[in-house]
Amino acid sequence: MNDIVVRGIRADEWDAVRALRLEALKDPAAPIAFLETHEDAAGRPDSFWQERASGAGEDTGGVRQFVAETAGGEWVGSVTVLVEEAGSIDWAGSPVERRQGHVVGVYVRPEWRGGGVTRELFEAAVEWAGSRGLERVRLLVHERNLRAQGAYRKAGFVPSGVTVSLDESGENEMEFVLALRELSDR
């Protein structure tokens, strides 16, 4: 992992954000890992990607995207954290009970999987969430996406017991409770 740096994206990197997202949406696991298709994403105008990178590239808002980058500048993975405010309604129509982070868009290039990139991305995401005073970070993972579930467990996420139904399948919620991390760091 010494040759990888995890950092927040910059607003002017919208073209790289688009390229990595389109690559992720071609992954064989994409149909169960993402709510968007490659065709839909590829059809979006540059302005969409510019706005997306601008919002996730500032360290002041309710969203932050992190990338794992090689010394040569190649992006090999990404994760995004969305802040969900207590009292709001999430994307699935469920009430948000506490101020929390929601991890989305997790992707690591196949040749970099299994070497700790996912863990490094999650460490940056959880640290950012903690610096915002969030109580926990959650993510949803398809019940059949066992590879992703294993990677998330290695990064410290545990099943919360919540399942979100999508069509004929389910997404299992996993969480990283920030208060537990603070206790384990003592």
Protein backbone atom coordinates (compact mmCIF):
# COMPACT_ATOMS: atom_id res chain seq x y z
CA MET A 1 0.00 0.00 0.00
CA ASN A 2 3.00 2.33 0.13
CA ASP A 3 2.51 3.16 -3.53
CA ILE A 4 -1.12 4.29 -3.05
CA VAL A 5 -2.37 7.60 -1.67
CA VAL A 6 -6.02 8.03 -0.69
CA ARG A 7 -7.28 11.59 -1.03
CA GLY A 8 -10.39 13.61 -1.66
CA ILE A 9 -11.09 14.48 -5.26
CA ARG A 10 -10.88 18.04 -6.61
CA ALA A 11 -13.67 19.74 -8.53
CA ASP A 12 -11.51 20.05 -11.66
CA GLU A 13 -11.12 16.25 -11.85
CA TRP A 14 -14.63 15.66 -13.20
CA ASP A 15 -13.40 13.85 -16.31
CA ALA A 16 -11.46 11.33 -14.19
CA VAL A 17 -14.52 10.94 -11.92
CA ARG A 18 -16.60 10.12 -15.00
CA ALA A 19 -14.02 7.70 -16.43
CA LEU A 20 -13.69 5.69 -13.22
CA ARG A 21 -17.47 5.58 -12.71
CA LEU A 22 -18.05 4.35 -16.27
CA GLU A 23 -15.37 1.68 -15.75
CA ALA A 24 -17.06 0.61 -12.49
CA LEU A 25 -20.40 0.29 -14.26
CA LYS A 26 -18.84 -2.19 -16.73
CA ASP A 27 -17.69 -4.49 -13.90
CA PRO A 28 -19.45 -7.89 -13.93
CA ALA A 29 -20.82 -7.16 -10.42
CA ALA A 30 -22.25 -3.76 -11.46
CA PRO A 31 -25.87 -4.95 -11.85
CA ILE A 32 -26.00 -5.89 -8.15
CA ALA A 33 -23.54 -3.27 -6.90
CA PHE A 34 -24.89 -0.04 -8.40
CA LEU A 35 -28.32 1.48 -8.93
CA GLU A 36 -27.25 3.04 -12.22
CA THR A 37 -26.43 1.43 -15.57
CA HIS A 38 -23.43 2.16 -17.75
CA GLU A 39 -25.73 3.32 -20.53
CA ASP A 40 -27.48 5.86 -18.29
CA ALA A 41 -24.21 7.22 -16.91
CA ALA A 42 -22.52 7.38 -20.33
CA GLY A 43 -25.42 9.46 -21.64
CA ARG A 44 -25.07 12.17 -19.00
CA PRO A 45 -23.69 15.54 -20.19
CA ASP A 46 -20.36 16.97 -19.05
CA SER A 47 -22.26 19.44 -16.85
CA PHE A 48 -23.59 16.53 -14.75
CA TRP A 49 -20.08 15.25 -14.08
CA GLN A 50 -18.74 18.74 -13.42
CA GLU A 51 -21.46 19.36 -10.84
CA ARG A 52 -20.93 15.94 -9.28
CA ALA A 53 -17.18 16.49 -8.91
CA SER A 54 -17.69 20.02 -7.64
CA GLY A 55 -20.05 18.87 -4.88
CA ALA A 56 -17.89 15.89 -3.86
CA GLY A 57 -14.63 17.77 -4.32
CA GLU A 58 -15.28 20.41 -1.69
CA ASP A 59 -14.56 19.54 1.91
CA THR A 60 -17.39 21.72 3.16
CA GLY A 61 -20.59 20.04 2.02
CA GLY A 62 -22.60 16.95 2.73
CA VAL A 63 -20.75 14.68 0.31
CA ARG A 64 -17.11 13.70 -0.17
CA GLN A 65 -15.52 11.39 -2.73
CA PHE A 66 -12.17 9.75 -2.10
CA VAL A 67 -9.88 8.09 -4.62
CA ALA A 68 -6.96 5.72 -4.28
CA GLU A 69 -4.22 7.00 -6.55
CA THR A 70 -0.89 5.49 -7.60
CA ALA A 71 2.36 7.46 -7.55
CA GLY A 72 1.91 7.78 -11.32
CA GLY A 73 -1.50 9.43 -10.93
CA GLU A 74 -3.67 6.42 -11.88
CA TRP A 75 -6.95 6.16 -10.01
CA VAL A 76 -7.44 2.56 -8.86
CA GLY A 77 -10.45 2.90 -6.58
CA SER A 78 -13.06 5.23 -5.18
CA VAL A 79 -15.66 5.63 -2.45
CA THR A 80 -18.17 8.40 -1.73
CA VAL A 81 -19.75 9.36 1.59
CA LEU A 82 -23.11 11.14 1.73
CA VAL A 83 -24.21 12.85 4.95
CA GLU A 84 -27.74 11.87 5.99
CA GLU A 85 -29.36 14.18 8.53
CA ALA A 86 -31.53 12.87 11.36
CA GLY A 87 -35.20 13.41 10.57
CA SER A 88 -34.73 13.23 6.80
CA ILE A 89 -35.83 10.45 4.45
CA ASP A 90 -33.20 8.34 2.68
CA TRP A 91 -33.17 7.31 -1.01
CA ALA A 92 -35.27 4.20 -0.24
CA GLY A 93 -37.98 6.21 1.55
CA SER A 94 -36.94 5.19 5.08
CA PRO A 95 -36.60 7.71 7.90
CA VAL A 96 -33.06 8.58 8.99
CA GLU A 97 -32.94 8.27 12.76
CA ARG A 98 -29.50 9.77 13.43
CA ARG A 99 -26.90 11.91 11.71
CA GLN A 100 -24.86 9.44 9.72
CA GLY A 101 -22.75 8.83 6.65
CA HIS A 102 -23.91 6.64 3.79
CA VAL A 103 -21.16 5.06 1.69
CA VAL A 104 -21.94 4.67 -2.01
CA GLY A 105 -20.05 4.09 -5.25
CA VAL A 106 -17.46 1.69 -3.86
CA TYR A 107 -15.17 0.47 -6.63
CA VAL A 108 -11.64 -0.91 -6.83
CA ARG A 109 -10.11 -2.00 -10.11
CA PRO A 110 -9.89 -5.81 -10.28
CA GLU A 111 -6.08 -5.94 -10.39
CA TRP A 112 -5.94 -3.93 -7.13
CA ARG A 113 -8.52 -5.95 -5.17
CA GLY A 114 -7.41 -7.95 -2.15
CA GLY A 115 -4.42 -5.75 -1.38
CA GLY A 116 -5.93 -3.32 1.10
CA VAL A 117 -7.16 -0.56 -1.22
CA THR A 118 -10.77 -0.96 -0.08
CA ARG A 119 -9.70 -0.79 3.57
CA GLU A 120 -7.65 2.38 2.90
CA LEU A 121 -10.59 4.01 1.11
CA PHE A 122 -12.92 3.15 3.99
CA GLU A 123 -10.45 4.46 6.56
CA ALA A 124 -10.45 7.84 4.79
CA ALA A 125 -14.25 7.81 4.51
CA VAL A 126 -14.78 6.91 8.18
CA GLU A 127 -12.22 9.48 9.32
CA TRP A 128 -13.97 12.18 7.28
CA ALA A 129 -17.35 11.14 8.71
CA GLY A 130 -15.97 11.29 12.23
CA SER A 131 -14.58 14.77 11.61
CA ARG A 132 -18.15 15.82 10.71
CA GLY A 133 -19.52 14.53 14.00
CA LEU A 134 -21.46 11.68 12.40
CA GLU A 135 -22.54 8.85 14.72
CA ARG A 136 -22.08 6.02 12.26
CA VAL A 137 -21.34 5.20 8.64
CA ARG A 138 -23.54 2.76 6.80
CA LEU A 139 -23.67 1.09 3.42
CA LEU A 140 -25.99 -1.25 1.60
CA VAL A 141 -24.71 -4.38 -0.08
CA HIS A 142 -26.65 -6.81 -2.24
CA GLU A 143 -27.40 -10.09 -0.50
CA ARG A 144 -25.64 -12.00 -3.33
CA ASN A 145 -22.54 -9.78 -3.41
CA LEU A 146 -20.47 -11.97 -1.09
CA ARG A 147 -17.11 -10.60 -2.28
CA ALA A 148 -18.13 -7.07 -1.32
CA GLN A 149 -19.58 -8.21 2.01
CA GLY A 150 -16.25 -9.82 2.88
CA ALA A 151 -14.29 -6.69 1.94
CA TYR A 152 -16.60 -4.53 4.04
CA ARG A 153 -16.20 -6.82 7.05
CA LYS A 154 -12.42 -6.60 6.72
CA ALA A 155 -12.78 -2.81 6.76
CA GLY A 156 -14.66 -2.95 10.07
CA PHE A 157 -18.30 -2.89 8.95
CA VAL A 158 -20.77 -5.26 10.61
CA PRO A 159 -24.33 -6.25 9.66
CA SER A 160 -26.92 -4.00 11.32
CA GLY A 161 -29.82 -6.41 10.82
CA VAL A 162 -31.65 -4.03 8.46
CA THR A 163 -32.60 -5.21 4.97
CA VAL A 164 -33.91 -2.97 2.20
CA SER A 165 -36.04 -4.77 -0.41
CA LEU A 166 -35.32 -3.99 -4.04
CA ASP A 167 -37.49 -5.73 -6.61
CA GLU A 168 -37.04 -9.46 -5.98
CA SER A 169 -33.86 -9.18 -3.91
CA GLY A 170 -32.54 -7.40 -0.86
CA GLU A 171 -29.77 -5.06 0.18
CA ASN A 172 -28.27 -5.74 3.59
CA GLU A 173 -27.20 -2.74 5.64
CA MET A 174 -23.77 -2.84 7.23
CA GLU A 175 -22.53 -0.21 9.63
CA PHE A 176 -19.42 1.19 11.21
CA VAL A 177 -20.34 2.81 14.52
CA LEU A 178 -17.92 5.66 15.09
CA ALA A 179 -18.28 5.59 18.89
CA LEU A 180 -17.01 2.00 18.85
CA ARG A 181 -13.94 3.08 16.87
CA GLU A 182 -13.18 5.79 19.43
CA LEU A 183 -13.35 3.22 22.24
CA SER A 184 -11.08 0.78 20.41
CA ASP A 185 -8.51 3.55 19.75
CA ARG A 186 -8.06 4.19 23.50
